[in-house]
C-alpha atoms as a PDB file:
ATOM      1  CA  LEU A   1      -2.544   4.584  12.992  1.00  0.00           C
ATOM      2  CA  GLU A   2      -6.042   6.010  13.305  1.00  0.00           C
ATOM      3  CA  LEU A   3      -6.056   9.123  11.145  1.00  0.00           C
ATOM      4  CA  SER A   4      -9.675  10.196  11.584  1.00  0.00           C
ATOM      5  CA  SER A   5      -9.013  11.635  15.051  1.00  0.00           C
ATOM      6  CA  ASN A   6      -5.663  13.139  13.980  1.00  0.00           C
ATOM      7  CA  PHE A   7      -6.575  14.441  10.524  1.00  0.00           C
ATOM      8  CA  PHE A   8      -5.592  18.009  11.372  1.00  0.00           C
ATOM      9  CA  GLY A   9      -2.578  19.083  13.402  1.00  0.00           C
ATOM     10  CA  PRO A  10      -2.994  21.279  16.462  1.00  0.00           C
ATOM     11  CA  GLY A  11      -1.226  24.228  14.845  1.00  0.00           C
ATOM     12  CA  ALA A  12       1.445  26.335  16.515  1.00  0.00           C
ATOM     13  CA  LYS A  13       1.148  27.478  20.099  1.00  0.00           C
ATOM     14  CA  PRO A  14       0.929  31.258  20.482  1.00  0.00           C
ATOM     15  CA  GLY A  15       4.339  32.887  20.087  1.00  0.00           C
ATOM     16  CA  THR A  16       5.909  29.852  18.357  1.00  0.00           C
ATOM     17  CA  VAL A  17       6.490  28.714  14.797  1.00  0.00           C
ATOM     18  CA  ALA A  18       4.672  25.549  13.726  1.00  0.00           C
ATOM     19  CA  ASP A  19       6.752  22.522  12.809  1.00  0.00           C
ATOM     20  CA  ASP A  20       5.718  19.887  10.266  1.00  0.00           C
ATOM     21  CA  ILE A  21       3.787  17.796  12.805  1.00  0.00           C
ATOM     22  CA  ASP A  22       1.895  20.872  14.058  1.00  0.00           C
ATOM     23  CA  GLN A  23       0.694  21.971  10.639  1.00  0.00           C
ATOM     24  CA  ALA A  24       0.509  18.783   8.539  1.00  0.00           C
ATOM     25  CA  THR A  25      -2.922  17.479   7.508  1.00  0.00           C
ATOM     26  CA  GLY A  26      -4.355  14.460   5.719  1.00  0.00           C
ATOM     27  CA  ILE A  27      -2.084  11.828   4.201  1.00  0.00           C
ATOM     28  CA  GLU A  28       1.037  13.923   4.889  1.00  0.00           C
ATOM     29  CA  ARG A  29       0.117  13.905   8.584  1.00  0.00           C
ATOM     30  CA  ALA A  30      -0.524  10.150   8.489  1.00  0.00           C
ATOM     31  CA  GLU A  31       2.921   9.596   6.966  1.00  0.00           C
ATOM     32  CA  LEU A  32       4.686  11.782   9.564  1.00  0.00           C
ATOM     33  CA  LEU A  33       2.835  10.228  12.526  1.00  0.00           C
ATOM     34  CA  SER A  34       3.480   6.688  11.303  1.00  0.00           C
ATOM     35  CA  LYS A  35       7.203   7.434  10.930  1.00  0.00           C
ATOM     36  CA  LEU A  36       7.227   8.598  14.560  1.00  0.00           C
ATOM     37  CA  GLU A  37       5.801   5.163  15.445  1.00  0.00           C
ATOM     38  CA  GLY A  38       8.563   3.493  13.416  1.00  0.00           C
ATOM     39  CA  LYS A  39       6.207   2.414  10.621  1.00  0.00           C
ATOM     40  CA  ASP A  40       6.239   3.110   6.893  1.00  0.00           C
ATOM     41  CA  ILE A  41       2.703   3.453   5.522  1.00  0.00           C
ATOM     42  CA  TYR A  42       3.985   3.257   1.943  1.00  0.00           C
ATOM     43  CA  ASP A  43       6.143   0.119   2.445  1.00  0.00           C
ATOM     44  CA  LEU A  44       7.791   0.120  -0.965  1.00  0.00           C
ATOM     45  CA  SER A  45      10.081  -2.801  -0.164  1.00  0.00           C
ATOM     46  CA  PRO A  46       9.955  -5.726  -2.603  1.00  0.00           C
ATOM     47  CA  LEU A  47       7.542  -8.572  -1.876  1.00  0.00           C
ATOM     48  CA  LYS A  48       9.326 -11.543  -0.338  1.00  0.00           C
ATOM     49  CA  ILE A  49       8.530 -14.432  -2.661  1.00  0.00           C
ATOM     50  CA  THR A  50       9.798 -17.808  -1.439  1.00  0.00           C
ATOM     51  CA  ALA A  51       7.771 -19.986  -3.827  1.00  0.00           C
ATOM     52  CA  VAL A  52       5.871 -19.641  -7.088  1.00  0.00           C
ATOM     53  CA  GLY A  53       2.412 -18.191  -6.497  1.00  0.00           C
ATOM     54  CA  THR A  54      -0.312 -20.721  -7.337  1.00  0.00           C
ATOM     55  CA  LYS A  55      -4.118 -20.712  -7.168  1.00  0.00           C
ATOM     56  CA  LYS A  56      -3.904 -22.672  -3.902  1.00  0.00           C
ATOM     57  CA  ASP A  57      -1.074 -20.546  -2.500  1.00  0.00           C
ATOM     58  CA  PRO A  58      -0.950 -17.157  -4.268  1.00  0.00           C
ATOM     59  CA  VAL A  59       1.513 -14.369  -3.573  1.00  0.00           C
ATOM     60  CA  MET A  60      -0.500 -12.139  -1.222  1.00  0.00           C
ATOM     61  CA  VAL A  61      -0.279  -8.387  -1.844  1.00  0.00           C
ATOM     62  CA  LYS A  62      -1.484  -6.083   0.969  1.00  0.00           C
ATOM     63  CA  SER A  63      -3.203  -2.874  -0.092  1.00  0.00           C
ATOM     64  CA  VAL A  64      -5.381  -0.123   1.352  1.00  0.00           C
ATOM     65  CA  ASP A  65      -6.611   0.565  -2.190  1.00  0.00           C
ATOM     66  CA  PRO A  66      -8.850  -1.789  -4.180  1.00  0.00           C
ATOM     67  CA  VAL A  67      -6.154  -2.146  -6.880  1.00  0.00           C
ATOM     68  CA  ARG A  68      -2.384  -2.281  -6.432  1.00  0.00           C
ATOM     69  CA  PHE A  69       0.192  -2.492  -9.185  1.00  0.00           C
ATOM     70  CA  VAL A  70       3.017  -4.991  -8.766  1.00  0.00           C
ATOM     71  CA  GLY A  71       6.032  -5.763 -10.882  1.00  0.00           C
ATOM     72  CA  CYS A  72       6.607  -9.483 -11.430  1.00  0.00           C
ATOM     73  CA  THR A  73      10.133 -10.617 -12.306  1.00  0.00           C
ATOM     74  CA  GLY A  74       9.343 -14.327 -12.172  1.00  0.00           C
ATOM     75  CA  PHE A  75      10.497 -17.072  -9.842  1.00  0.00           C
ATOM     76  CA  PRO A  76      13.242 -17.301  -8.942  1.00  0.00           C
ATOM     77  CA  VAL A  77      13.469 -13.517  -8.838  1.00  0.00           C
ATOM     78  CA  ASP A  78      14.790 -11.896 -12.040  1.00  0.00           C
ATOM     79  CA  SER A  79      13.814 -14.863 -14.235  1.00  0.00           C
ATOM     80  CA  HIS A  80      12.241 -12.437 -16.707  1.00  0.00           C
ATOM     81  CA  GLU A  81      11.949  -8.708 -17.345  1.00  0.00           C
ATOM     82  CA  THR A  82       9.599  -6.821 -15.035  1.00  0.00           C
ATOM     83  CA  VAL A  83       5.960  -7.207 -16.048  1.00  0.00           C
ATOM     84  CA  TRP A  84       3.599  -4.751 -14.351  1.00  0.00           C
ATOM     85  CA  LEU A  85       0.111  -5.929 -13.502  1.00  0.00           C
ATOM     86  CA  GLY A  86      -2.819  -4.599 -11.514  1.00  0.00           C
ATOM     87  CA  VAL A  87      -3.895  -6.855  -8.661  1.00  0.00           C
ATOM     88  CA  ASP A  88      -7.597  -6.186  -8.044  1.00  0.00           C
ATOM     89  CA  LYS A  89      -9.623  -7.003  -4.918  1.00  0.00           C
ATOM     90  CA  ASN A  90     -12.596  -7.917  -7.120  1.00  0.00           C
ATOM     91  CA  HIS A  91     -10.615 -10.613  -8.950  1.00  0.00           C
ATOM     92  CA  GLU A  92     -10.295 -14.155  -7.643  1.00  0.00           C
ATOM     93  CA  PHE A  93      -6.601 -13.816  -8.535  1.00  0.00           C
ATOM     94  CA  ASP A  94      -4.342 -12.073 -11.057  1.00  0.00           C
ATOM     95  CA  ARG A  95      -1.761 -13.924 -13.148  1.00  0.00           C
ATOM     96  CA  CYS A  96       1.532 -12.750 -14.631  1.00  0.00           C
ATOM     97  CA  PRO A  97       1.255 -13.251 -18.413  1.00  0.00           C
ATOM     98  CA  GLU A  98       4.986 -14.022 -18.658  1.00  0.00           C
ATOM     99  CA  CYS A  99       5.532 -16.735 -16.024  1.00  0.00           C
ATOM    100  CA  GLY A 100       2.018 -17.575 -14.815  1.00  0.00           C
ATOM    101  CA  GLN A 101       2.699 -16.628 -11.206  1.00  0.00           C
ATOM    102  CA  ILE A 102      -0.534 -15.974  -9.248  1.00  0.00           C
ATOM    103  CA  PHE A 103      -1.115 -12.858  -7.127  1.00  0.00           C
ATOM    104  CA  LYS A 104      -4.090 -12.103  -4.854  1.00  0.00           C
ATOM    105  CA  LEU A 105      -4.949  -8.807  -3.170  1.00  0.00           C
ATOM    106  CA  ASP A 106      -5.198  -8.758   0.626  1.00  0.00           C
ATOM    107  CA  PHE A 107      -7.432  -5.683   0.891  1.00  0.00           C
ATOM    108  CA  ILE A 108      -6.862  -3.989   4.266  1.00  0.00           C
ATOM    109  CA  GLY A 109      -8.548  -0.697   3.386  1.00  0.00           C
ATOM    110  CA  SER A 110     -12.002   0.552   4.237  1.00  0.00           C
ATOM    111  CA  GLU A 111     -14.932  -0.568   2.087  1.00  0.00           C
ATOM    112  CA  ASN A 112     -16.567   2.816   2.739  1.00  0.00           C
ATOM    113  CA  GLU A 113     -13.719   4.907   1.359  1.00  0.00           C
ATOM    114  CA  GLY A 114     -14.596   6.538  -1.925  1.00  0.00           C
ATOM    115  CA  HIS A 115     -12.753   8.876  -4.199  1.00  0.00           C
ATOM    116  CA  GLY A 116     -14.898  11.841  -3.216  1.00  0.00           C
ATOM    117  CA  HIS A 117     -16.238  12.457  -6.715  1.00  0.00           C
ATOM    118  CA  HIS A 118     -19.017  15.029  -6.815  1.00  0.00           C
END
């Protein structure tokens, strides 16, 4: 989904009431348009872990942000209580302090995106 060309909705046509797609902007618009395409931009489903993450074969975590928080429950799943850790694109890898499982960020965002601080 390319949001830059669709950042603002077209608005309502004269004599009509705008619906959500017509008036949504920004990230709300991106979410609505992606759902129309059958995609979920927030994909909150659990990571599918079929083996312990190692340095050679880490658990890859996709993210449009430079840091993403994940909850590790060990391997096999639910081997320990959930431990939350930040997986950072600037780190070679991030390790769960409880079980040692290795996570690595697969950064799919834009390097040019900032937080807009002034």
